[in-house]
């Protein structure tokens, strides 16, 4: 098992996979937060009073994001990596189909797929936690809405801080930019209430 992870680390470092995985994580975590926030705000402005409806709606959306992210990333990343491998084969005049490179291509595509699909799903589950409390322990529904919005904004701030650290930018400013996107989503959702 240890040799598998050592090999995985070597492949990731050699093929510069870590930067790809960071991008997939950041973009799709952001999508997961904003999408879940949108669904929860939709439930709020529609005066949904049954936590089960909110849970089922967000879970259904989260599973769709997971499947979409995993499937699309695997197929896309595999196609891109295979294209690069075929171009290398043309230059070498030799098939690489059974090579270590070919195995690495599939492994990289699988990693990208898992990060791409898991990150929005994980964000949605964190945001949904207060509604699980409402459903299973009688936690007040209005407080669940408030906590979910707060968790969403906190996750956006942390995501901004993470991106600031890896890009050596100002943590506060980038965190604020991410939080602003969440506030904009809330504002637009509330504006729909007037319709």
Protein backbone atom coordinates (compact mmCIF):
# COMPACT_ATOMS: atom_id res chain seq x y z
CA UNK A 1 0.00 0.00 0.00
CA UNK A 2 2.84 2.38 0.87
CA UNK A 3 4.52 1.71 -2.48
CA UNK A 4 1.24 2.57 -4.24
CA UNK A 5 1.13 5.99 -2.60
CA UNK A 6 4.84 6.57 -3.21
CA UNK A 7 4.29 5.73 -6.88
CA UNK A 8 1.22 7.98 -6.96
CA UNK A 9 3.20 10.87 -5.47
CA UNK A 10 6.00 10.35 -8.01
CA UNK A 11 3.53 10.33 -10.93
CA UNK A 12 1.76 13.42 -9.60
CA UNK A 13 5.00 15.33 -9.15
CA UNK A 14 6.42 14.28 -12.53
CA UNK A 15 3.23 15.08 -14.49
CA UNK A 16 2.50 18.28 -12.54
CA UNK A 17 -0.83 16.80 -11.44
CA UNK A 18 -1.03 18.60 -8.11
CA UNK A 19 -1.76 21.95 -9.79
CA UNK A 20 -4.55 20.32 -11.84
CA UNK A 21 -6.04 18.72 -8.72
CA UNK A 22 -5.89 22.03 -6.84
CA UNK A 23 -7.76 23.75 -9.69
CA UNK A 24 -10.40 21.00 -9.84
CA UNK A 25 -10.83 21.14 -6.06
CA UNK A 26 -11.13 24.94 -5.87
CA UNK A 27 -13.46 25.38 -8.86
CA UNK A 28 -15.79 22.56 -7.94
CA UNK A 29 -15.82 23.27 -4.21
CA UNK A 30 -16.89 26.81 -5.15
CA UNK A 31 -19.59 25.42 -7.47
CA UNK A 32 -20.78 23.09 -4.70
CA UNK A 33 -21.08 25.91 -2.17
CA UNK A 34 -22.85 28.33 -4.52
CA UNK A 35 -25.19 25.67 -5.94
CA UNK A 36 -26.16 24.39 -2.49
CA UNK A 37 -26.60 27.94 -1.22
CA UNK A 38 -28.88 28.62 -4.19
CA UNK A 39 -31.02 25.56 -3.49
CA UNK A 40 -31.30 26.43 0.20
CA UNK A 41 -32.19 30.04 -0.57
CA UNK A 42 -34.79 28.77 -3.05
CA UNK A 43 -36.33 26.65 -0.30
CA UNK A 44 -36.26 29.64 2.05
CA UNK A 45 -38.01 32.06 -0.31
CA UNK A 46 -40.54 29.36 -1.24
CA UNK A 47 -41.36 28.98 2.48
CA UNK A 48 -40.51 25.27 2.57
CA UNK A 49 -41.19 24.11 6.12
CA UNK A 50 -40.35 20.41 5.77
CA UNK A 51 -36.65 19.71 6.36
CA UNK A 52 -37.06 16.39 4.51
CA UNK A 53 -37.84 18.25 1.27
CA UNK A 54 -34.72 20.38 1.68
CA UNK A 55 -32.59 17.32 2.48
CA UNK A 56 -33.89 15.36 -0.51
CA UNK A 57 -33.50 18.33 -2.88
CA UNK A 58 -29.93 19.13 -1.83
CA UNK A 59 -28.91 15.44 -1.67
CA UNK A 60 -30.33 14.85 -5.14
CA UNK A 61 -28.49 17.92 -6.46
CA UNK A 62 -25.29 16.85 -4.68
CA UNK A 63 -25.39 13.37 -6.17
CA UNK A 64 -25.95 14.89 -9.60
CA UNK A 65 -22.93 17.20 -9.08
CA UNK A 66 -20.86 14.21 -7.92
CA UNK A 67 -21.79 12.09 -10.94
CA UNK A 68 -21.39 14.98 -13.37
CA UNK A 69 -18.05 16.06 -11.93
CA UNK A 70 -16.60 12.57 -11.67
CA UNK A 71 -17.78 11.37 -15.05
CA UNK A 72 -16.91 14.49 -17.03
CA UNK A 73 -13.48 14.92 -15.42
CA UNK A 74 -12.53 11.27 -15.98
CA UNK A 75 -13.53 11.26 -19.64
CA UNK A 76 -12.06 14.71 -20.36
CA UNK A 77 -8.79 14.19 -18.51
CA UNK A 78 -8.33 10.72 -20.01
CA UNK A 79 -8.96 12.07 -23.52
CA UNK A 80 -6.46 14.92 -23.05
CA UNK A 81 -3.79 12.64 -21.57
CA UNK A 82 -4.30 10.01 -24.28
CA UNK A 83 -4.01 12.68 -26.96
CA UNK A 84 -0.66 13.75 -25.51
CA UNK A 85 0.43 10.09 -25.31
CA UNK A 86 -0.55 9.43 -28.95
CA UNK A 87 1.41 12.48 -30.07
CA UNK A 88 4.41 11.13 -28.17
CA UNK A 89 3.90 7.71 -29.82
CA UNK A 90 4.00 9.33 -33.28
CA UNK A 91 7.31 10.98 -32.45
CA UNK A 92 8.76 7.77 -31.00
CA UNK A 93 7.26 5.50 -33.69
CA UNK A 94 6.41 3.09 -30.91
CA UNK A 95 3.21 2.12 -29.03
CA UNK A 96 3.06 3.10 -25.37
CA UNK A 97 -0.23 1.33 -24.68
CA UNK A 98 1.24 -1.16 -22.18
CA UNK A 99 3.78 1.22 -20.71
CA UNK A 100 4.04 2.81 -17.28
CA UNK A 101 2.96 6.06 -18.94
CA UNK A 102 -0.34 4.51 -20.07
CA UNK A 103 -1.05 3.30 -16.52
CA UNK A 104 -0.18 6.76 -15.21
CA UNK A 105 -2.61 8.36 -17.67
CA UNK A 106 -5.51 6.30 -16.30
CA UNK A 107 -4.46 6.95 -12.70
CA UNK A 108 -4.25 10.71 -13.24
CA UNK A 109 -7.69 10.74 -14.89
CA UNK A 110 -9.13 8.79 -11.96
CA UNK A 111 -7.59 11.17 -9.41
CA UNK A 112 -8.92 14.20 -11.28
CA UNK A 113 -12.36 12.61 -11.45
CA UNK A 114 -12.50 11.87 -7.73
CA UNK A 115 -11.40 15.38 -6.74
CA UNK A 116 -13.74 16.95 -9.29
CA UNK A 117 -16.78 15.00 -8.10
CA UNK A 118 -16.06 14.80 -4.38
CA UNK A 119 -15.31 18.46 -3.69
CA UNK A 120 -18.79 19.87 -4.51
CA UNK A 121 -20.44 16.90 -2.79
CA UNK A 122 -18.41 17.43 0.41
CA UNK A 123 -19.21 21.15 0.45
CA UNK A 124 -22.92 20.43 0.05
CA UNK A 125 -22.87 17.93 2.94
CA UNK A 126 -21.22 20.47 5.25
CA UNK A 127 -23.79 23.12 4.35
CA UNK A 128 -26.64 20.62 4.73
CA UNK A 129 -25.58 19.53 8.26
CA UNK A 130 -28.02 21.87 10.10
CA UNK A 131 -30.95 20.39 8.17
CA UNK A 132 -29.91 16.87 9.24
CA UNK A 133 -30.04 18.19 12.82
CA UNK A 134 -33.51 19.62 12.13
CA UNK A 135 -34.77 16.37 10.66
CA UNK A 136 -33.33 14.02 13.28
CA UNK A 137 -33.26 16.08 16.49
CA UNK A 138 -35.77 18.91 16.23
CA UNK A 139 -33.23 21.68 15.63
CA UNK A 140 -35.27 24.80 14.68
CA UNK A 141 -35.75 25.10 10.92
CA UNK A 142 -35.15 28.87 10.77
CA UNK A 143 -31.90 28.39 12.68
CA UNK A 144 -30.94 25.65 10.20
CA UNK A 145 -31.39 28.11 7.34
CA UNK A 146 -29.28 30.71 9.14
CA UNK A 147 -26.55 28.19 10.04
CA UNK A 148 -26.42 26.86 6.47
CA UNK A 149 -25.96 30.35 5.06
CA UNK A 150 -23.25 31.05 7.67
CA UNK A 151 -21.49 27.76 6.85
CA UNK A 152 -21.66 28.61 3.13
CA UNK A 153 -20.04 32.01 3.66
CA UNK A 154 -17.41 30.50 5.98
CA UNK A 155 -16.53 27.84 3.40
CA UNK A 156 -16.20 30.52 0.72
CA UNK A 157 -13.91 32.55 3.01
CA UNK A 158 -11.78 29.46 3.73
CA UNK A 159 -11.63 28.62 0.03
CA UNK A 160 -10.50 32.17 -0.70
CA UNK A 161 -7.85 31.90 2.05
CA UNK A 162 -6.64 28.59 0.61
CA UNK A 163 -6.31 30.10 -2.88
CA UNK A 164 -4.56 33.15 -1.42
CA UNK A 165 -2.02 30.96 0.35
CA UNK A 166 -1.14 28.91 -2.72
CA UNK A 167 -1.01 32.00 -4.96
CA UNK A 168 0.73 34.22 -2.36
CA UNK A 169 -2.01 36.84 -2.45
CA UNK A 170 -3.71 38.70 0.39
CA UNK A 171 -5.80 36.24 2.40
CA UNK A 172 -8.34 38.82 3.56
CA UNK A 173 -8.94 40.29 0.11
CA UNK A 174 -9.32 36.98 -1.71
CA UNK A 175 -11.48 35.60 1.11
CA UNK A 176 -13.66 38.69 0.84
CA UNK A 177 -14.00 38.26 -2.94
CA UNK A 178 -15.23 34.70 -2.46
CA UNK A 179 -17.65 35.72 0.28
CA UNK A 180 -18.97 38.47 -1.99
CA UNK A 181 -19.98 35.81 -4.54
CA UNK A 182 -22.03 34.09 -1.85
CA UNK A 183 -23.64 37.36 -0.77
CA UNK A 184 -24.48 38.09 -4.41
CA UNK A 185 -26.15 34.66 -4.71
CA UNK A 186 -28.16 35.37 -1.55
CA UNK A 187 -29.15 38.84 -2.75
CA UNK A 188 -30.30 37.57 -6.17
CA UNK A 189 -32.28 34.78 -4.50
CA UNK A 190 -33.98 37.25 -2.18
CA UNK A 191 -34.73 39.50 -5.15
CA UNK A 192 -36.68 36.59 -6.68
CA UNK A 193 -39.03 36.71 -3.69
CA UNK A 194 -40.48 39.91 -5.13
CA UNK A 195 -41.65 38.06 -8.26
